[in-house]
N, C-alpha and C. Protein backbone atom coordinates (compact mmCIF):
# COMPACT_ATOMS: atom_id res chain seq x y z
N LEU A 1 -56.40 -8.62 -57.95
CA LEU A 1 -55.63 -9.86 -57.77
C LEU A 1 -54.96 -10.18 -59.09
N ASP A 2 -53.66 -10.42 -59.06
CA ASP A 2 -52.92 -10.62 -60.30
C ASP A 2 -51.69 -11.48 -60.03
N ASP A 3 -51.13 -12.06 -61.06
CA ASP A 3 -49.86 -12.78 -61.03
C ASP A 3 -49.80 -13.87 -59.94
N ILE A 4 -50.80 -14.72 -59.92
CA ILE A 4 -50.83 -15.84 -58.97
C ILE A 4 -49.94 -16.96 -59.50
N SER A 5 -49.15 -17.57 -58.63
CA SER A 5 -48.36 -18.72 -59.06
C SER A 5 -48.18 -19.70 -57.91
N VAL A 6 -48.08 -20.96 -58.27
CA VAL A 6 -47.79 -22.04 -57.33
C VAL A 6 -46.68 -22.86 -57.95
N LYS A 7 -45.51 -22.91 -57.32
CA LYS A 7 -44.37 -23.63 -57.89
C LYS A 7 -43.69 -24.45 -56.81
N LYS A 8 -43.15 -25.55 -57.24
CA LYS A 8 -42.42 -26.42 -56.32
C LYS A 8 -41.17 -25.73 -55.82
N SER A 9 -40.87 -25.90 -54.56
CA SER A 9 -39.69 -25.29 -53.95
C SER A 9 -38.43 -25.81 -54.61
N ALA A 10 -37.45 -24.95 -54.77
CA ALA A 10 -36.18 -25.33 -55.39
C ALA A 10 -35.40 -26.30 -54.52
N GLY A 11 -35.75 -26.42 -53.23
CA GLY A 11 -35.01 -27.28 -52.32
C GLY A 11 -35.43 -28.74 -52.33
N THR A 12 -36.34 -29.13 -53.19
CA THR A 12 -36.81 -30.51 -53.17
C THR A 12 -35.82 -31.45 -53.84
N PHE A 13 -35.98 -32.72 -53.56
CA PHE A 13 -35.11 -33.78 -54.07
C PHE A 13 -35.10 -33.79 -55.59
N LYS A 14 -33.91 -33.72 -56.19
CA LYS A 14 -33.81 -33.70 -57.65
C LYS A 14 -33.35 -35.04 -58.22
N GLY A 15 -32.71 -35.84 -57.40
CA GLY A 15 -32.28 -37.15 -57.88
C GLY A 15 -31.00 -37.61 -57.21
N TRP A 16 -30.73 -38.89 -57.35
CA TRP A 16 -29.53 -39.51 -56.79
C TRP A 16 -29.15 -40.66 -57.71
N GLU A 17 -27.86 -40.87 -57.89
CA GLU A 17 -27.42 -42.01 -58.69
C GLU A 17 -26.09 -42.52 -58.19
N CYS A 18 -25.82 -43.78 -58.48
CA CYS A 18 -24.57 -44.41 -58.09
C CYS A 18 -24.15 -45.38 -59.19
N ASN A 19 -22.96 -45.16 -59.72
CA ASN A 19 -22.43 -46.02 -60.78
C ASN A 19 -21.30 -46.92 -60.30
N PHE A 20 -20.99 -46.85 -59.01
CA PHE A 20 -19.94 -47.68 -58.40
C PHE A 20 -18.59 -47.49 -59.11
N ASP A 21 -18.31 -46.27 -59.53
CA ASP A 21 -17.04 -46.00 -60.21
C ASP A 21 -15.84 -46.11 -59.27
N LYS A 22 -16.09 -45.94 -57.98
CA LYS A 22 -15.01 -46.04 -57.00
C LYS A 22 -15.57 -46.68 -55.72
N GLU A 23 -14.67 -47.18 -54.92
CA GLU A 23 -15.09 -47.88 -53.70
C GLU A 23 -15.88 -46.98 -52.76
N ALA A 24 -15.58 -45.68 -52.77
CA ALA A 24 -16.33 -44.74 -51.92
C ALA A 24 -17.82 -44.74 -52.28
N ASP A 25 -18.15 -45.00 -53.55
CA ASP A 25 -19.56 -45.10 -53.95
C ASP A 25 -20.24 -46.24 -53.21
N PHE A 26 -19.57 -47.40 -53.18
CA PHE A 26 -20.12 -48.56 -52.48
C PHE A 26 -20.21 -48.31 -50.97
N ASN A 27 -19.23 -47.61 -50.43
CA ASN A 27 -19.16 -47.40 -48.99
C ASN A 27 -20.28 -46.52 -48.44
N GLN A 28 -21.02 -45.84 -49.30
CA GLN A 28 -22.16 -45.05 -48.81
C GLN A 28 -23.38 -45.92 -48.54
N PHE A 29 -23.33 -47.18 -48.97
CA PHE A 29 -24.42 -48.13 -48.75
C PHE A 29 -24.26 -48.82 -47.40
N THR A 30 -25.35 -49.37 -46.89
CA THR A 30 -25.33 -50.19 -45.69
C THR A 30 -25.53 -51.64 -46.11
N VAL A 31 -24.65 -52.52 -45.65
CA VAL A 31 -24.74 -53.95 -45.95
C VAL A 31 -25.19 -54.68 -44.70
N ILE A 32 -26.20 -55.52 -44.83
CA ILE A 32 -26.64 -56.37 -43.72
C ILE A 32 -26.62 -57.82 -44.18
N ASP A 33 -25.80 -58.60 -43.52
CA ASP A 33 -25.68 -60.05 -43.75
C ASP A 33 -26.63 -60.73 -42.77
N SER A 34 -27.91 -60.83 -43.14
CA SER A 34 -28.95 -61.30 -42.21
C SER A 34 -28.73 -62.72 -41.72
N ASN A 35 -28.12 -63.55 -42.54
CA ASN A 35 -27.93 -64.95 -42.11
C ASN A 35 -26.52 -65.23 -41.61
N ASN A 36 -25.72 -64.19 -41.45
CA ASN A 36 -24.38 -64.30 -40.86
C ASN A 36 -23.52 -65.40 -41.48
N ASP A 37 -23.48 -65.44 -42.81
CA ASP A 37 -22.70 -66.49 -43.47
C ASP A 37 -21.49 -65.94 -44.23
N ARG A 38 -21.08 -64.72 -43.93
CA ARG A 38 -19.93 -64.11 -44.60
C ARG A 38 -18.65 -64.86 -44.26
N PHE A 39 -17.85 -65.14 -45.29
CA PHE A 39 -16.50 -65.66 -45.05
C PHE A 39 -15.57 -65.11 -46.10
N SER A 40 -14.32 -64.88 -45.72
CA SER A 40 -13.35 -64.20 -46.58
C SER A 40 -12.54 -65.18 -47.41
N SER A 41 -12.20 -64.72 -48.61
CA SER A 41 -11.24 -65.44 -49.46
C SER A 41 -10.19 -64.41 -49.88
N SER A 42 -9.25 -64.83 -50.65
CA SER A 42 -8.21 -63.89 -51.09
C SER A 42 -8.74 -62.87 -52.09
N TYR A 43 -9.88 -63.14 -52.70
CA TYR A 43 -10.40 -62.25 -53.72
C TYR A 43 -11.45 -61.28 -53.18
N PHE A 44 -12.42 -61.81 -52.40
CA PHE A 44 -13.43 -60.99 -51.74
C PHE A 44 -14.15 -61.84 -50.71
N ASP A 45 -15.12 -61.24 -50.02
CA ASP A 45 -15.92 -61.97 -49.04
C ASP A 45 -17.07 -62.69 -49.76
N TRP A 46 -17.34 -63.92 -49.35
CA TRP A 46 -18.46 -64.69 -49.89
C TRP A 46 -19.64 -64.59 -48.93
N GLY A 47 -20.83 -64.79 -49.45
CA GLY A 47 -22.03 -64.79 -48.62
C GLY A 47 -22.50 -63.40 -48.22
N THR A 48 -22.12 -62.38 -48.98
CA THR A 48 -22.54 -61.01 -48.67
C THR A 48 -22.36 -60.11 -49.89
N TRP A 49 -22.75 -58.85 -49.76
CA TRP A 49 -22.54 -57.85 -50.80
C TRP A 49 -21.12 -57.32 -50.73
N ASN A 50 -20.50 -57.11 -51.88
CA ASN A 50 -19.14 -56.60 -52.00
C ASN A 50 -19.07 -55.51 -53.05
N TYR A 51 -18.00 -54.74 -52.98
CA TYR A 51 -17.64 -53.85 -54.08
C TYR A 51 -16.71 -54.63 -54.99
N LEU A 52 -17.10 -54.77 -56.25
CA LEU A 52 -16.31 -55.55 -57.21
C LEU A 52 -15.64 -54.58 -58.18
N PHE A 53 -14.33 -54.60 -58.21
CA PHE A 53 -13.59 -53.57 -58.93
C PHE A 53 -12.65 -54.12 -59.97
N LYS A 54 -12.50 -55.41 -60.06
CA LYS A 54 -11.59 -55.99 -61.04
C LYS A 54 -12.38 -56.39 -62.27
N THR A 55 -11.75 -56.33 -63.43
CA THR A 55 -12.45 -56.58 -64.68
C THR A 55 -11.81 -57.71 -65.45
N GLY A 56 -12.53 -58.21 -66.43
CA GLY A 56 -11.98 -59.20 -67.35
C GLY A 56 -11.94 -60.60 -66.78
N GLU A 57 -10.89 -61.33 -67.11
CA GLU A 57 -10.75 -62.72 -66.70
C GLU A 57 -10.37 -62.77 -65.22
N GLY A 58 -11.27 -63.21 -64.39
CA GLY A 58 -11.02 -63.35 -62.97
C GLY A 58 -10.95 -64.82 -62.61
N PRO A 59 -10.92 -65.11 -61.33
CA PRO A 59 -10.85 -66.51 -60.91
C PRO A 59 -12.14 -67.28 -61.20
N TYR A 60 -13.20 -66.57 -61.60
CA TYR A 60 -14.49 -67.21 -61.83
C TYR A 60 -14.95 -67.09 -63.27
N GLY A 61 -14.01 -66.99 -64.20
CA GLY A 61 -14.36 -67.01 -65.61
C GLY A 61 -14.33 -65.66 -66.27
N PRO A 62 -14.58 -65.63 -67.57
CA PRO A 62 -14.54 -64.38 -68.34
C PRO A 62 -15.74 -63.50 -68.04
N ASP A 63 -15.68 -62.31 -68.56
CA ASP A 63 -16.78 -61.35 -68.43
C ASP A 63 -17.10 -61.02 -66.98
N TYR A 64 -16.07 -60.95 -66.18
CA TYR A 64 -16.22 -60.53 -64.79
C TYR A 64 -16.29 -59.01 -64.82
N PRO A 65 -17.47 -58.41 -64.58
CA PRO A 65 -17.59 -56.96 -64.75
C PRO A 65 -16.84 -56.18 -63.69
N ASP A 66 -16.48 -54.96 -64.03
CA ASP A 66 -15.77 -54.12 -63.08
C ASP A 66 -16.68 -53.04 -62.51
N HIS A 67 -16.27 -52.52 -61.39
CA HIS A 67 -16.92 -51.38 -60.75
C HIS A 67 -18.43 -51.55 -60.64
N CYS A 68 -18.82 -52.47 -59.77
CA CYS A 68 -20.23 -52.72 -59.50
C CYS A 68 -20.35 -53.28 -58.09
N ALA A 69 -21.57 -53.45 -57.63
CA ALA A 69 -21.82 -54.17 -56.39
C ALA A 69 -22.15 -55.61 -56.78
N GLY A 70 -21.81 -56.54 -55.91
CA GLY A 70 -22.13 -57.93 -56.21
C GLY A 70 -22.40 -58.73 -54.95
N TYR A 71 -23.46 -59.53 -55.01
CA TYR A 71 -23.71 -60.49 -53.95
C TYR A 71 -23.00 -61.78 -54.35
N THR A 72 -22.12 -62.25 -53.50
CA THR A 72 -21.34 -63.46 -53.78
C THR A 72 -21.89 -64.59 -52.92
N SER A 73 -22.26 -65.69 -53.54
CA SER A 73 -23.00 -66.74 -52.87
C SER A 73 -22.19 -67.50 -51.83
N ASP A 74 -22.91 -68.15 -50.95
CA ASP A 74 -22.34 -69.07 -49.97
C ASP A 74 -22.71 -70.48 -50.44
N GLU A 75 -21.80 -71.41 -50.30
CA GLU A 75 -22.06 -72.79 -50.74
C GLU A 75 -23.15 -73.47 -49.94
N ASP A 76 -23.31 -73.10 -48.68
CA ASP A 76 -24.19 -73.85 -47.78
C ASP A 76 -25.48 -73.15 -47.39
N HIS A 77 -25.60 -71.85 -47.63
CA HIS A 77 -26.76 -71.10 -47.15
C HIS A 77 -27.41 -70.31 -48.29
N ASP A 78 -28.74 -70.33 -48.32
CA ASP A 78 -29.46 -69.45 -49.24
C ASP A 78 -29.17 -68.00 -48.85
N ALA A 79 -29.20 -67.12 -49.83
CA ALA A 79 -28.92 -65.71 -49.58
C ALA A 79 -30.04 -65.07 -48.76
N ASP A 80 -29.66 -64.19 -47.88
CA ASP A 80 -30.56 -63.32 -47.13
C ASP A 80 -29.75 -62.09 -46.75
N ASP A 81 -29.41 -61.30 -47.78
CA ASP A 81 -28.45 -60.21 -47.60
C ASP A 81 -28.98 -58.94 -48.26
N TRP A 82 -28.87 -57.84 -47.52
CA TRP A 82 -29.42 -56.56 -47.95
C TRP A 82 -28.31 -55.57 -48.29
N LEU A 83 -28.59 -54.75 -49.30
CA LEU A 83 -27.75 -53.61 -49.65
C LEU A 83 -28.69 -52.40 -49.68
N PHE A 84 -28.52 -51.47 -48.72
CA PHE A 84 -29.40 -50.31 -48.59
C PHE A 84 -28.73 -49.06 -49.12
N THR A 85 -29.49 -48.27 -49.88
CA THR A 85 -29.00 -46.98 -50.37
C THR A 85 -28.77 -46.05 -49.18
N PRO A 86 -28.02 -44.98 -49.42
CA PRO A 86 -28.00 -43.91 -48.41
C PRO A 86 -29.40 -43.30 -48.30
N VAL A 87 -29.60 -42.47 -47.30
CA VAL A 87 -30.90 -41.87 -47.08
C VAL A 87 -31.31 -41.00 -48.27
N LEU A 88 -32.57 -41.09 -48.64
CA LEU A 88 -33.16 -40.30 -49.72
C LEU A 88 -34.30 -39.48 -49.12
N LYS A 89 -34.25 -38.17 -49.25
CA LYS A 89 -35.31 -37.30 -48.71
C LYS A 89 -36.33 -37.08 -49.82
N LEU A 90 -37.49 -37.74 -49.67
CA LEU A 90 -38.51 -37.74 -50.71
C LEU A 90 -39.76 -37.01 -50.25
N THR A 91 -40.53 -36.54 -51.22
CA THR A 91 -41.76 -35.79 -50.97
C THR A 91 -42.96 -36.70 -51.17
N GLY A 92 -43.82 -36.76 -50.18
CA GLY A 92 -45.03 -37.56 -50.27
C GLY A 92 -45.88 -37.16 -51.46
N GLY A 93 -46.39 -38.15 -52.18
CA GLY A 93 -47.24 -37.91 -53.34
C GLY A 93 -46.50 -37.72 -54.64
N ASP A 94 -45.22 -37.38 -54.58
CA ASP A 94 -44.41 -37.27 -55.80
C ASP A 94 -44.02 -38.67 -56.27
N THR A 95 -43.86 -38.83 -57.55
CA THR A 95 -43.45 -40.11 -58.12
C THR A 95 -41.99 -40.03 -58.54
N TYR A 96 -41.23 -41.06 -58.17
CA TYR A 96 -39.82 -41.16 -58.50
C TYR A 96 -39.61 -42.43 -59.31
N ILE A 97 -38.71 -42.35 -60.27
CA ILE A 97 -38.36 -43.50 -61.09
C ILE A 97 -37.06 -44.10 -60.54
N VAL A 98 -37.12 -45.36 -60.16
CA VAL A 98 -35.96 -46.08 -59.63
C VAL A 98 -35.47 -47.01 -60.73
N LYS A 99 -34.20 -46.85 -61.13
CA LYS A 99 -33.61 -47.70 -62.18
C LYS A 99 -32.34 -48.35 -61.64
N TYR A 100 -32.06 -49.53 -62.14
CA TYR A 100 -30.84 -50.26 -61.78
C TYR A 100 -30.65 -51.38 -62.80
N LYS A 101 -29.41 -51.84 -62.89
CA LYS A 101 -29.08 -52.94 -63.80
C LYS A 101 -28.61 -54.14 -62.99
N VAL A 102 -29.07 -55.33 -63.38
CA VAL A 102 -28.65 -56.56 -62.71
C VAL A 102 -28.34 -57.64 -63.72
N ARG A 103 -27.52 -58.57 -63.29
CA ARG A 103 -27.20 -59.74 -64.11
C ARG A 103 -26.69 -60.84 -63.21
N ALA A 104 -26.76 -62.07 -63.70
CA ALA A 104 -26.15 -63.22 -63.04
C ALA A 104 -24.77 -63.43 -63.65
N HIS A 105 -23.91 -64.15 -62.95
CA HIS A 105 -22.59 -64.43 -63.50
C HIS A 105 -22.71 -65.36 -64.70
N TRP A 106 -23.48 -66.43 -64.54
CA TRP A 106 -23.77 -67.37 -65.62
C TRP A 106 -25.26 -67.61 -65.69
N ALA A 107 -25.79 -67.84 -66.86
CA ALA A 107 -27.21 -68.16 -67.02
C ALA A 107 -27.54 -69.49 -66.34
N ARG A 108 -26.58 -70.39 -66.27
CA ARG A 108 -26.84 -71.72 -65.68
C ARG A 108 -26.94 -71.67 -64.15
N THR A 109 -26.54 -70.56 -63.54
CA THR A 109 -26.68 -70.40 -62.10
C THR A 109 -27.50 -69.14 -61.82
N PRO A 110 -28.82 -69.24 -61.96
CA PRO A 110 -29.66 -68.06 -61.79
C PRO A 110 -29.58 -67.51 -60.36
N GLU A 111 -29.69 -66.21 -60.27
CA GLU A 111 -29.72 -65.53 -58.99
C GLU A 111 -31.15 -65.06 -58.73
N ARG A 112 -31.42 -64.56 -57.52
CA ARG A 112 -32.76 -64.07 -57.19
C ARG A 112 -32.62 -62.79 -56.38
N LEU A 113 -33.47 -61.80 -56.72
CA LEU A 113 -33.40 -60.49 -56.10
C LEU A 113 -34.82 -59.96 -55.88
N GLU A 114 -34.99 -59.27 -54.77
CA GLU A 114 -36.20 -58.46 -54.57
C GLU A 114 -35.73 -57.06 -54.16
N VAL A 115 -36.56 -56.06 -54.48
CA VAL A 115 -36.21 -54.67 -54.18
C VAL A 115 -37.38 -54.05 -53.44
N LYS A 116 -37.08 -53.45 -52.28
CA LYS A 116 -38.11 -52.85 -51.45
C LYS A 116 -37.67 -51.45 -51.03
N TYR A 117 -38.59 -50.71 -50.42
CA TYR A 117 -38.22 -49.43 -49.84
C TYR A 117 -39.00 -49.22 -48.55
N GLY A 118 -38.46 -48.32 -47.72
CA GLY A 118 -39.09 -48.02 -46.45
C GLY A 118 -38.33 -46.90 -45.76
N THR A 119 -38.67 -46.68 -44.50
CA THR A 119 -38.14 -45.54 -43.76
C THR A 119 -36.97 -45.88 -42.85
N ALA A 120 -36.49 -47.11 -42.88
CA ALA A 120 -35.32 -47.49 -42.07
C ALA A 120 -34.47 -48.47 -42.87
N ALA A 121 -33.15 -48.36 -42.71
CA ALA A 121 -32.21 -49.25 -43.41
C ALA A 121 -32.06 -50.56 -42.64
N THR A 122 -33.20 -51.25 -42.50
CA THR A 122 -33.26 -52.55 -41.84
C THR A 122 -34.22 -53.42 -42.63
N ALA A 123 -34.15 -54.73 -42.44
CA ALA A 123 -35.08 -55.63 -43.12
C ALA A 123 -36.51 -55.30 -42.71
N ALA A 124 -36.76 -55.06 -41.42
CA ALA A 124 -38.10 -54.73 -40.93
C ALA A 124 -38.58 -53.38 -41.47
N GLY A 125 -37.65 -52.47 -41.76
CA GLY A 125 -38.01 -51.15 -42.27
C GLY A 125 -38.44 -51.13 -43.72
N MET A 126 -38.20 -52.23 -44.44
CA MET A 126 -38.56 -52.33 -45.87
C MET A 126 -40.01 -52.79 -45.99
N THR A 127 -40.93 -51.85 -46.04
CA THR A 127 -42.36 -52.17 -45.97
C THR A 127 -43.08 -52.14 -47.32
N GLN A 128 -42.45 -51.60 -48.36
CA GLN A 128 -43.09 -51.50 -49.67
C GLN A 128 -42.23 -52.20 -50.72
N THR A 129 -42.87 -52.88 -51.66
CA THR A 129 -42.16 -53.64 -52.68
C THR A 129 -42.08 -52.87 -53.99
N LEU A 130 -40.87 -52.77 -54.53
CA LEU A 130 -40.68 -52.23 -55.88
C LEU A 130 -40.60 -53.37 -56.89
N MET A 131 -39.88 -54.44 -56.53
CA MET A 131 -39.78 -55.61 -57.40
C MET A 131 -39.91 -56.85 -56.51
N ALA A 132 -40.92 -57.67 -56.79
CA ALA A 132 -41.09 -58.93 -56.07
C ALA A 132 -39.90 -59.84 -56.37
N LYS A 133 -39.74 -60.89 -55.60
CA LYS A 133 -38.64 -61.83 -55.85
C LYS A 133 -38.64 -62.26 -57.31
N THR A 134 -37.51 -62.03 -57.96
CA THR A 134 -37.39 -62.26 -59.40
C THR A 134 -36.12 -63.05 -59.68
N ASP A 135 -36.25 -64.10 -60.47
CA ASP A 135 -35.07 -64.86 -60.89
C ASP A 135 -34.32 -64.08 -61.96
N ILE A 136 -33.02 -63.96 -61.77
CA ILE A 136 -32.15 -63.25 -62.71
C ILE A 136 -31.33 -64.31 -63.43
N THR A 137 -31.64 -64.53 -64.71
CA THR A 137 -30.97 -65.58 -65.48
C THR A 137 -30.08 -65.01 -66.57
N ASN A 138 -30.17 -63.70 -66.81
CA ASN A 138 -29.40 -63.07 -67.87
C ASN A 138 -27.94 -62.90 -67.44
N ALA A 139 -27.02 -63.23 -68.34
CA ALA A 139 -25.58 -63.07 -68.07
C ALA A 139 -25.05 -61.74 -68.59
N GLU A 140 -25.92 -60.92 -69.15
CA GLU A 140 -25.61 -59.54 -69.53
C GLU A 140 -26.56 -58.65 -68.75
N TYR A 141 -26.14 -57.41 -68.49
CA TYR A 141 -26.98 -56.51 -67.70
C TYR A 141 -28.33 -56.26 -68.37
N VAL A 142 -29.38 -56.25 -67.55
CA VAL A 142 -30.72 -55.83 -67.95
C VAL A 142 -31.13 -54.72 -66.99
N GLU A 143 -31.68 -53.63 -67.53
CA GLU A 143 -32.11 -52.51 -66.69
C GLU A 143 -33.55 -52.71 -66.26
N TYR A 144 -33.80 -52.51 -64.99
CA TYR A 144 -35.15 -52.55 -64.42
C TYR A 144 -35.53 -51.13 -64.03
N SER A 145 -36.83 -50.85 -64.09
CA SER A 145 -37.33 -49.52 -63.76
C SER A 145 -38.67 -49.68 -63.05
N GLN A 146 -38.80 -49.04 -61.90
CA GLN A 146 -40.06 -49.05 -61.15
C GLN A 146 -40.39 -47.65 -60.67
N GLU A 147 -41.66 -47.43 -60.38
CA GLU A 147 -42.10 -46.16 -59.82
C GLU A 147 -42.22 -46.29 -58.31
N LEU A 148 -41.77 -45.26 -57.61
CA LEU A 148 -41.87 -45.18 -56.15
C LEU A 148 -42.62 -43.90 -55.83
N THR A 149 -43.75 -44.02 -55.13
CA THR A 149 -44.53 -42.86 -54.73
C THR A 149 -44.77 -42.92 -53.22
N PRO A 150 -43.93 -42.24 -52.44
CA PRO A 150 -44.12 -42.28 -50.99
C PRO A 150 -45.41 -41.58 -50.58
N VAL A 151 -46.02 -42.05 -49.50
CA VAL A 151 -47.27 -41.45 -49.05
C VAL A 151 -47.05 -40.18 -48.24
N ALA A 152 -45.85 -40.02 -47.68
CA ALA A 152 -45.58 -38.86 -46.85
C ALA A 152 -44.16 -38.35 -47.08
N ASP A 153 -43.94 -37.08 -46.81
CA ASP A 153 -42.58 -36.53 -46.84
C ASP A 153 -41.74 -37.29 -45.81
N GLY A 154 -40.48 -37.50 -46.14
CA GLY A 154 -39.63 -38.14 -45.15
C GLY A 154 -38.35 -38.69 -45.74
N THR A 155 -37.63 -39.40 -44.90
CA THR A 155 -36.40 -40.05 -45.32
C THR A 155 -36.70 -41.51 -45.64
N TYR A 156 -36.20 -41.96 -46.78
CA TYR A 156 -36.47 -43.30 -47.27
C TYR A 156 -35.16 -43.97 -47.68
N TYR A 157 -35.22 -45.29 -47.73
CA TYR A 157 -34.10 -46.11 -48.19
C TYR A 157 -34.65 -47.12 -49.18
N ILE A 158 -33.83 -47.51 -50.13
CA ILE A 158 -34.18 -48.59 -51.04
C ILE A 158 -33.27 -49.76 -50.69
N GLY A 159 -33.86 -50.94 -50.56
CA GLY A 159 -33.11 -52.12 -50.18
C GLY A 159 -33.10 -53.15 -51.30
N PHE A 160 -31.89 -53.57 -51.67
CA PHE A 160 -31.70 -54.64 -52.65
C PHE A 160 -31.43 -55.91 -51.86
N HIS A 161 -32.37 -56.86 -51.93
CA HIS A 161 -32.34 -58.05 -51.09
C HIS A 161 -31.98 -59.27 -51.94
N ALA A 162 -30.74 -59.74 -51.78
CA ALA A 162 -30.32 -60.96 -52.47
C ALA A 162 -30.96 -62.15 -51.76
N VAL A 163 -31.69 -62.96 -52.51
CA VAL A 163 -32.38 -64.13 -51.96
C VAL A 163 -32.13 -65.36 -52.85
N SER A 164 -30.93 -65.43 -53.41
CA SER A 164 -30.56 -66.53 -54.30
C SER A 164 -30.43 -67.84 -53.52
N ASP A 165 -30.55 -68.94 -54.25
CA ASP A 165 -30.31 -70.25 -53.66
C ASP A 165 -28.83 -70.40 -53.32
N ALA A 166 -28.55 -71.28 -52.40
CA ALA A 166 -27.16 -71.55 -52.01
C ALA A 166 -26.36 -72.07 -53.19
N ASP A 167 -25.07 -71.82 -53.15
CA ASP A 167 -24.10 -72.37 -54.10
C ASP A 167 -24.37 -72.00 -55.55
N ASN A 168 -24.83 -70.77 -55.76
CA ASN A 168 -24.94 -70.27 -57.12
C ASN A 168 -23.64 -69.57 -57.45
N MET A 169 -23.65 -68.31 -57.76
CA MET A 169 -22.39 -67.66 -58.10
C MET A 169 -22.42 -66.22 -57.63
N ILE A 170 -22.56 -65.27 -58.55
CA ILE A 170 -22.53 -63.85 -58.19
C ILE A 170 -23.70 -63.13 -58.86
N LEU A 171 -24.39 -62.31 -58.09
CA LEU A 171 -25.44 -61.42 -58.57
C LEU A 171 -24.83 -60.03 -58.66
N TYR A 172 -24.80 -59.44 -59.85
CA TYR A 172 -24.19 -58.13 -60.07
C TYR A 172 -25.27 -57.05 -60.11
N LEU A 173 -24.96 -55.89 -59.52
CA LEU A 173 -25.86 -54.75 -59.46
C LEU A 173 -25.07 -53.50 -59.83
N ASP A 174 -25.62 -52.68 -60.73
CA ASP A 174 -24.90 -51.49 -61.17
C ASP A 174 -25.88 -50.40 -61.59
N ASP A 175 -25.36 -49.18 -61.71
CA ASP A 175 -26.07 -48.02 -62.28
C ASP A 175 -27.44 -47.79 -61.65
N ILE A 176 -27.44 -47.55 -60.36
CA ILE A 176 -28.68 -47.27 -59.63
C ILE A 176 -28.97 -45.78 -59.73
N SER A 177 -30.24 -45.44 -59.98
CA SER A 177 -30.63 -44.03 -59.97
C SER A 177 -32.05 -43.89 -59.43
N VAL A 178 -32.29 -42.76 -58.78
CA VAL A 178 -33.61 -42.39 -58.28
C VAL A 178 -33.84 -40.96 -58.73
N LYS A 179 -34.81 -40.78 -59.62
CA LYS A 179 -35.06 -39.44 -60.16
C LYS A 179 -36.55 -39.15 -60.15
N LYS A 180 -36.85 -37.89 -59.94
CA LYS A 180 -38.25 -37.48 -59.93
C LYS A 180 -38.84 -37.68 -61.33
N SER A 181 -40.04 -38.22 -61.37
CA SER A 181 -40.72 -38.45 -62.63
C SER A 181 -40.99 -37.12 -63.33
N ALA A 182 -40.84 -37.11 -64.63
CA ALA A 182 -41.09 -35.89 -65.42
C ALA A 182 -42.56 -35.49 -65.34
N GLY A 183 -43.43 -36.41 -64.95
CA GLY A 183 -44.85 -36.13 -64.90
C GLY A 183 -45.31 -35.46 -63.61
N THR A 184 -44.41 -35.21 -62.67
CA THR A 184 -44.83 -34.62 -61.40
C THR A 184 -45.08 -33.12 -61.55
N PHE A 185 -45.78 -32.55 -60.62
CA PHE A 185 -46.19 -31.15 -60.65
C PHE A 185 -44.98 -30.21 -60.69
N LYS A 186 -44.96 -29.31 -61.65
CA LYS A 186 -43.86 -28.36 -61.77
C LYS A 186 -44.29 -26.94 -61.44
N GLY A 187 -45.58 -26.66 -61.55
CA GLY A 187 -46.03 -25.31 -61.22
C GLY A 187 -47.29 -24.93 -61.96
N TRP A 188 -47.86 -23.81 -61.57
CA TRP A 188 -49.06 -23.28 -62.20
C TRP A 188 -49.06 -21.78 -62.05
N GLU A 189 -49.50 -21.08 -63.07
CA GLU A 189 -49.60 -19.63 -63.01
C GLU A 189 -50.88 -19.16 -63.67
N CYS A 190 -51.28 -18.00 -63.25
CA CYS A 190 -52.43 -17.37 -63.89
C CYS A 190 -52.20 -15.87 -63.96
């Protein structure tokens, strides 16, 4: 008996990322307006997730970031809006690092976000929590990082759930990535 080896298959998930550099990046996501409060303006839709592509001085003040996703508030309804990643084929027991950047438009109008994952791109399908409801008060991007370890092989989605109070402003989301942890099994030989 000689040259025994156990190595991970080359076909396994290596990673996924989205920087929202173009509208097609945003269009791979699924948007669910759970409270049906979307309404259109000349600039974008309010009360839901949008692709935000204009930069600089916008109608809502300076430092309006470009090329990102954004939840735009409704004056009358608290947020209940989901942005789901495209399907991710993950291996049970492997650990993945999920990173993303978020910010509020102004510190004086804090936003609120929770991040979950599950096997369906629906609110009911989001069964595991990556980030509990968190107030976002920073007006500059802050990167968050969590570990995701699915219990079984399968298709998964990550859901970004805007749950801000009514009549705030804009919650910005950018630079999402899902990558296998460097600490996962790479192989063994004897």
